[in-house]
Amino acid sequence: MRFGLVHQICGFDELPHITQQIATELLAGKRSAQAAVKALLREHRAPKLDDALIKDTARRLADLRRTPEAQAALADFLDHKS
């Protein structure tokens, strides 16, 4: 968790509930963002981590974050954090 590789941990008894929660969130996700992630993964299945990949990933993320859909999702997230 300290390195950001794990988003959540739970006890074994909580696993079905947490799994259902994550699946529900994924299904409710924004189509364009999910499509962009799938495209990135498809294009870079087993990439060599180099400057070109890092720059391409950063550009794609920046492009997504500028969309009205992403801006609305971020505003909604920040509203719920306060």
C-alpha atoms as a PDB file:
ATOM      1  CA  MET A   1       0.000   0.000   0.000  1.00  0.00           C
ATOM      2  CA  ARG A   2       2.852   2.360   0.793  1.00  0.00           C
ATOM      3  CA  PHE A   3       3.977   2.311  -2.842  1.00  0.00           C
ATOM      4  CA  GLY A   4       0.470   2.662  -4.278  1.00  0.00           C
ATOM      5  CA  LEU A   5       0.361  -0.853  -5.715  1.00  0.00           C
ATOM      6  CA  VAL A   6      -2.546  -1.888  -3.504  1.00  0.00           C
ATOM      7  CA  HIS A   7      -5.664   0.229  -3.179  1.00  0.00           C
ATOM      8  CA  GLN A   8      -7.442  -1.699  -0.478  1.00  0.00           C
ATOM      9  CA  ILE A   9      -6.978  -4.615   1.882  1.00  0.00           C
ATOM     10  CA  CYS A  10      -9.644  -6.562   3.695  1.00  0.00           C
ATOM     11  CA  GLY A  11     -10.251  -9.671   5.719  1.00  0.00           C
ATOM     12  CA  PHE A  12     -11.250 -12.888   3.986  1.00  0.00           C
ATOM     13  CA  ASP A  13     -14.806 -12.560   5.306  1.00  0.00           C
ATOM     14  CA  GLU A  14     -15.128  -9.130   3.660  1.00  0.00           C
ATOM     15  CA  LEU A  15     -13.823 -10.294   0.289  1.00  0.00           C
ATOM     16  CA  PRO A  16     -17.203 -11.052  -1.378  1.00  0.00           C
ATOM     17  CA  HIS A  17     -18.592  -7.643  -0.397  1.00  0.00           C
ATOM     18  CA  ILE A  18     -15.460  -5.767  -1.482  1.00  0.00           C
ATOM     19  CA  THR A  19     -15.305  -7.691  -4.764  1.00  0.00           C
ATOM     20  CA  GLN A  20     -18.942  -6.841  -5.509  1.00  0.00           C
ATOM     21  CA  GLN A  21     -18.317  -3.193  -4.648  1.00  0.00           C
ATOM     22  CA  ILE A  22     -15.335  -2.977  -7.010  1.00  0.00           C
ATOM     23  CA  ALA A  23     -17.246  -4.731  -9.813  1.00  0.00           C
ATOM     24  CA  THR A  24     -20.163  -2.320  -9.363  1.00  0.00           C
ATOM     25  CA  GLU A  25     -17.821   0.674  -9.520  1.00  0.00           C
ATOM     26  CA  LEU A  26     -16.145  -0.668 -12.664  1.00  0.00           C
ATOM     27  CA  LEU A  27     -19.487  -1.269 -14.359  1.00  0.00           C
ATOM     28  CA  ALA A  28     -20.581   2.268 -13.473  1.00  0.00           C
ATOM     29  CA  GLY A  29     -17.327   3.717 -14.816  1.00  0.00           C
ATOM     30  CA  LYS A  30     -17.027   6.187 -17.618  1.00  0.00           C
ATOM     31  CA  ARG A  31     -16.956   4.442 -20.995  1.00  0.00           C
ATOM     32  CA  SER A  32     -14.418   6.746 -22.597  1.00  0.00           C
ATOM     33  CA  ALA A  33     -11.951   6.347 -19.729  1.00  0.00           C
ATOM     34  CA  GLN A  34     -12.326   2.567 -19.733  1.00  0.00           C
ATOM     35  CA  ALA A  35     -11.904   2.465 -23.514  1.00  0.00           C
ATOM     36  CA  ALA A  36      -8.761   4.586 -23.249  1.00  0.00           C
ATOM     37  CA  VAL A  37      -7.263   2.287 -20.614  1.00  0.00           C
ATOM     38  CA  LYS A  38      -8.082  -0.776 -22.719  1.00  0.00           C
ATOM     39  CA  ALA A  39      -6.474   0.837 -25.777  1.00  0.00           C
ATOM     40  CA  LEU A  40      -3.340   1.682 -23.803  1.00  0.00           C
ATOM     41  CA  LEU A  41      -3.085  -1.866 -22.444  1.00  0.00           C
ATOM     42  CA  ARG A  42      -3.735  -3.384 -25.858  1.00  0.00           C
ATOM     43  CA  GLU A  43      -1.011  -1.275 -27.492  1.00  0.00           C
ATOM     44  CA  HIS A  44       1.522  -1.920 -24.753  1.00  0.00           C
ATOM     45  CA  ARG A  45       0.854  -5.503 -23.655  1.00  0.00           C
ATOM     46  CA  ALA A  46       4.411  -6.222 -22.570  1.00  0.00           C
ATOM     47  CA  PRO A  47       6.128  -2.912 -23.074  1.00  0.00           C
ATOM     48  CA  LYS A  48       9.674  -2.067 -22.376  1.00  0.00           C
ATOM     49  CA  LEU A  49       9.489   0.781 -19.885  1.00  0.00           C
ATOM     50  CA  ASP A  50      11.281   3.587 -21.651  1.00  0.00           C
ATOM     51  CA  ASP A  51      10.969   7.335 -22.099  1.00  0.00           C
ATOM     52  CA  ALA A  52       8.674   6.957 -25.114  1.00  0.00           C
ATOM     53  CA  LEU A  53       6.179   4.835 -23.153  1.00  0.00           C
ATOM     54  CA  ILE A  54       6.296   7.171 -20.148  1.00  0.00           C
ATOM     55  CA  LYS A  55       5.707  10.222 -22.361  1.00  0.00           C
ATOM     56  CA  ASP A  56       2.919   8.499 -24.296  1.00  0.00           C
ATOM     57  CA  THR A  57       1.171   7.431 -21.084  1.00  0.00           C
ATOM     58  CA  ALA A  58       1.485  10.921 -19.590  1.00  0.00           C
ATOM     59  CA  ARG A  59       0.082  12.476 -22.780  1.00  0.00           C
ATOM     60  CA  ARG A  60      -2.872  10.089 -22.817  1.00  0.00           C
ATOM     61  CA  LEU A  61      -3.659  10.777 -19.172  1.00  0.00           C
ATOM     62  CA  ALA A  62      -3.423  14.533 -19.718  1.00  0.00           C
ATOM     63  CA  ASP A  63      -5.746  14.275 -22.723  1.00  0.00           C
ATOM     64  CA  LEU A  64      -8.285  12.309 -20.682  1.00  0.00           C
ATOM     65  CA  ARG A  65      -8.130  14.683 -17.726  1.00  0.00           C
ATOM     66  CA  ARG A  66      -9.039  17.607 -19.980  1.00  0.00           C
ATOM     67  CA  THR A  67     -12.314  16.060 -21.132  1.00  0.00           C
ATOM     68  CA  PRO A  68     -15.587  17.432 -19.712  1.00  0.00           C
ATOM     69  CA  GLU A  69     -16.405  13.938 -18.424  1.00  0.00           C
ATOM     70  CA  ALA A  70     -13.154  13.750 -16.446  1.00  0.00           C
ATOM     71  CA  GLN A  71     -13.544  17.284 -15.126  1.00  0.00           C
ATOM     72  CA  ALA A  72     -17.061  16.485 -13.908  1.00  0.00           C
ATOM     73  CA  ALA A  73     -15.888  13.242 -12.269  1.00  0.00           C
ATOM     74  CA  LEU A  74     -13.050  15.071 -10.504  1.00  0.00           C
ATOM     75  CA  ALA A  75     -15.393  17.803  -9.283  1.00  0.00           C
ATOM     76  CA  ASP A  76     -17.798  15.156  -7.989  1.00  0.00           C
ATOM     77  CA  PHE A  77     -14.946  13.337  -6.224  1.00  0.00           C
ATOM     78  CA  LEU A  78     -13.693  16.542  -4.600  1.00  0.00           C
ATOM     79  CA  ASP A  79     -17.216  17.480  -3.503  1.00  0.00           C
ATOM     80  CA  HIS A  80     -17.574  14.149  -1.719  1.00  0.00           C
ATOM     81  CA  LYS A  81     -14.152  14.431  -0.039  1.00  0.00           C
ATOM     82  CA  SER A  82     -15.013  17.674   1.778  1.00  0.00           C
END
